[in-house]
Amino acid sequence: PQDVETVIRRRLADIEDCAAQLLARDPTFTGGKATLILTIDPNGGVTAAVAQGELGATPMGTCLTDLTGNWRFPKPTDGNTAMATVVLEVKAGRR
């Protein structure tokens, strides 16, 4: 869990960029919560990502799942595929 949080913190700027891009296209976007369910392969790469919750089936959810393809996690200690669930609260606003 700590390793997952560390990776997410390092990717906050990318997540904020998703929100800023969406806000530029849709000024009514206010943000919300998304739950990302990630499948992490034995080498630490994300092989599948699903966004659920308030932002799941939205352009923001799509942007988030697209981002995860570039995320790298530490290798699972047991050498198997691992699952991680991450809850994100996305706030609309410009940096």
C-alpha atoms as a PDB file:
ATOM      1  CA  PRO A   1       0.000   0.000   0.000  1.00  0.00           C
ATOM      2  CA  GLN A   2       2.761   2.479   0.867  1.00  0.00           C
ATOM      3  CA  ASP A   3       4.468   1.733  -2.458  1.00  0.00           C
ATOM      4  CA  VAL A   4       1.203   2.376  -4.312  1.00  0.00           C
ATOM      5  CA  GLU A   5       0.718   5.698  -2.513  1.00  0.00           C
ATOM      6  CA  THR A   6       4.266   6.745  -3.393  1.00  0.00           C
ATOM      7  CA  VAL A   7       3.697   6.090  -7.099  1.00  0.00           C
ATOM      8  CA  ILE A   8       0.381   7.974  -7.048  1.00  0.00           C
ATOM      9  CA  ARG A   9       1.975  10.985  -5.314  1.00  0.00           C
ATOM     10  CA  ARG A  10       4.646  11.090  -8.006  1.00  0.00           C
ATOM     11  CA  ARG A  11       1.908  11.161 -10.655  1.00  0.00           C
ATOM     12  CA  LEU A  12      -0.250  13.906  -9.147  1.00  0.00           C
ATOM     13  CA  ALA A  13       0.864  16.450 -11.752  1.00  0.00           C
ATOM     14  CA  ASP A  14      -0.321  14.098 -14.525  1.00  0.00           C
ATOM     15  CA  ILE A  15      -3.669  13.646 -12.756  1.00  0.00           C
ATOM     16  CA  GLU A  16      -4.009  17.420 -12.376  1.00  0.00           C
ATOM     17  CA  ASP A  17      -3.225  17.830 -16.074  1.00  0.00           C
ATOM     18  CA  CYS A  18      -6.121  15.495 -16.916  1.00  0.00           C
ATOM     19  CA  ALA A  19      -8.442  17.656 -14.830  1.00  0.00           C
ATOM     20  CA  ALA A  20      -7.129  20.883 -16.398  1.00  0.00           C
ATOM     21  CA  GLN A  21      -7.571  19.523 -19.928  1.00  0.00           C
ATOM     22  CA  LEU A  22     -11.107  18.440 -19.151  1.00  0.00           C
ATOM     23  CA  LEU A  23     -11.929  21.785 -17.552  1.00  0.00           C
ATOM     24  CA  ALA A  24     -10.650  23.580 -20.661  1.00  0.00           C
ATOM     25  CA  ARG A  25     -13.085  21.558 -22.799  1.00  0.00           C
ATOM     26  CA  ASP A  26     -15.936  21.578 -20.284  1.00  0.00           C
ATOM     27  CA  PRO A  27     -16.099  24.614 -17.984  1.00  0.00           C
ATOM     28  CA  THR A  28     -18.867  22.937 -15.973  1.00  0.00           C
ATOM     29  CA  PHE A  29     -16.506  20.176 -14.774  1.00  0.00           C
ATOM     30  CA  THR A  30     -16.188  20.436 -11.011  1.00  0.00           C
ATOM     31  CA  GLY A  31     -14.282  17.264 -10.183  1.00  0.00           C
ATOM     32  CA  GLY A  32     -15.308  14.276  -8.116  1.00  0.00           C
ATOM     33  CA  LYS A  33     -14.118  10.886  -6.936  1.00  0.00           C
ATOM     34  CA  ALA A  34     -12.771   8.024  -8.976  1.00  0.00           C
ATOM     35  CA  THR A  35     -11.763   4.576  -7.840  1.00  0.00           C
ATOM     36  CA  LEU A  36      -9.019   3.056  -9.971  1.00  0.00           C
ATOM     37  CA  ILE A  37      -8.643  -0.703  -9.920  1.00  0.00           C
ATOM     38  CA  LEU A  38      -5.201  -1.590 -11.212  1.00  0.00           C
ATOM     39  CA  THR A  39      -3.724  -4.913 -12.258  1.00  0.00           C
ATOM     40  CA  ILE A  40       0.034  -4.841 -11.701  1.00  0.00           C
ATOM     41  CA  ASP A  41       2.130  -7.449 -13.484  1.00  0.00           C
ATOM     42  CA  PRO A  42       5.100  -9.269 -11.878  1.00  0.00           C
ATOM     43  CA  ASN A  43       7.472  -6.624 -13.303  1.00  0.00           C
ATOM     44  CA  GLY A  44       5.530  -3.693 -11.782  1.00  0.00           C
ATOM     45  CA  GLY A  45       3.762  -2.537 -14.953  1.00  0.00           C
ATOM     46  CA  VAL A  46       0.037  -1.827 -15.102  1.00  0.00           C
ATOM     47  CA  THR A  47      -1.637  -4.316 -17.438  1.00  0.00           C
ATOM     48  CA  ALA A  48      -5.225  -3.236 -16.823  1.00  0.00           C
ATOM     49  CA  ALA A  49      -6.997  -0.296 -15.232  1.00  0.00           C
ATOM     50  CA  VAL A  50     -10.658   0.352 -14.600  1.00  0.00           C
ATOM     51  CA  ALA A  51     -12.110   3.626 -13.324  1.00  0.00           C
ATOM     52  CA  GLN A  52     -15.262   3.368 -11.247  1.00  0.00           C
ATOM     53  CA  GLY A  53     -17.355   5.668  -9.139  1.00  0.00           C
ATOM     54  CA  GLU A  54     -18.539   9.187  -9.830  1.00  0.00           C
ATOM     55  CA  LEU A  55     -15.882   9.868 -12.492  1.00  0.00           C
ATOM     56  CA  GLY A  56     -15.564   6.306 -13.775  1.00  0.00           C
ATOM     57  CA  ALA A  57     -17.575   6.466 -16.991  1.00  0.00           C
ATOM     58  CA  THR A  58     -16.537  10.006 -17.876  1.00  0.00           C
ATOM     59  CA  PRO A  59     -13.744  11.606 -19.910  1.00  0.00           C
ATOM     60  CA  MET A  60     -11.876  12.079 -16.611  1.00  0.00           C
ATOM     61  CA  GLY A  61     -12.077   8.368 -15.883  1.00  0.00           C
ATOM     62  CA  THR A  62     -10.784   7.616 -19.376  1.00  0.00           C
ATOM     63  CA  CYS A  63      -7.896  10.051 -18.953  1.00  0.00           C
ATOM     64  CA  LEU A  64      -6.970   8.452 -15.629  1.00  0.00           C
ATOM     65  CA  THR A  65      -6.975   4.923 -17.003  1.00  0.00           C
ATOM     66  CA  ASP A  66      -4.938   6.058 -20.007  1.00  0.00           C
ATOM     67  CA  LEU A  67      -2.323   7.532 -17.666  1.00  0.00           C
ATOM     68  CA  THR A  68      -1.812   4.279 -15.792  1.00  0.00           C
ATOM     69  CA  GLY A  69      -0.198   2.632 -18.811  1.00  0.00           C
ATOM     70  CA  ASN A  70       2.956   4.638 -18.016  1.00  0.00           C
ATOM     71  CA  TRP A  71       2.961   3.981 -14.265  1.00  0.00           C
ATOM     72  CA  ARG A  72       5.553   1.649 -12.765  1.00  0.00           C
ATOM     73  CA  PHE A  73       5.173   0.077  -9.362  1.00  0.00           C
ATOM     74  CA  PRO A  74       7.685  -1.936  -7.379  1.00  0.00           C
ATOM     75  CA  LYS A  75       7.539  -5.605  -8.336  1.00  0.00           C
ATOM     76  CA  PRO A  76       5.028  -7.555  -6.225  1.00  0.00           C
ATOM     77  CA  THR A  77       6.998  -9.327  -3.501  1.00  0.00           C
ATOM     78  CA  ASP A  78       5.493 -12.736  -4.266  1.00  0.00           C
ATOM     79  CA  GLY A  79       6.370 -12.490  -7.963  1.00  0.00           C
ATOM     80  CA  ASN A  80       2.731 -12.735  -9.027  1.00  0.00           C
ATOM     81  CA  THR A  81       0.242 -10.315 -10.535  1.00  0.00           C
ATOM     82  CA  ALA A  82      -1.185  -7.948  -7.913  1.00  0.00           C
ATOM     83  CA  MET A  83      -4.300  -5.817  -7.663  1.00  0.00           C
ATOM     84  CA  ALA A  84      -4.409  -2.308  -6.223  1.00  0.00           C
ATOM     85  CA  THR A  85      -7.387  -0.069  -5.557  1.00  0.00           C
ATOM     86  CA  VAL A  86      -6.785   3.668  -5.461  1.00  0.00           C
ATOM     87  CA  VAL A  87      -9.402   6.263  -4.559  1.00  0.00           C
ATOM     88  CA  LEU A  88      -8.726   9.695  -6.016  1.00  0.00           C
ATOM     89  CA  GLU A  89     -10.547  12.915  -5.332  1.00  0.00           C
ATOM     90  CA  VAL A  90     -10.089  15.140  -8.339  1.00  0.00           C
ATOM     91  CA  LYS A  91     -10.673  18.850  -8.003  1.00  0.00           C
ATOM     92  CA  ALA A  92     -11.177  21.063 -11.005  1.00  0.00           C
ATOM     93  CA  GLY A  93      -9.004  24.103 -11.050  1.00  0.00           C
ATOM     94  CA  ARG A  94      -6.059  25.567 -12.800  1.00  0.00           C
ATOM     95  CA  ARG A  95      -2.544  25.405 -11.455  1.00  0.00           C
END
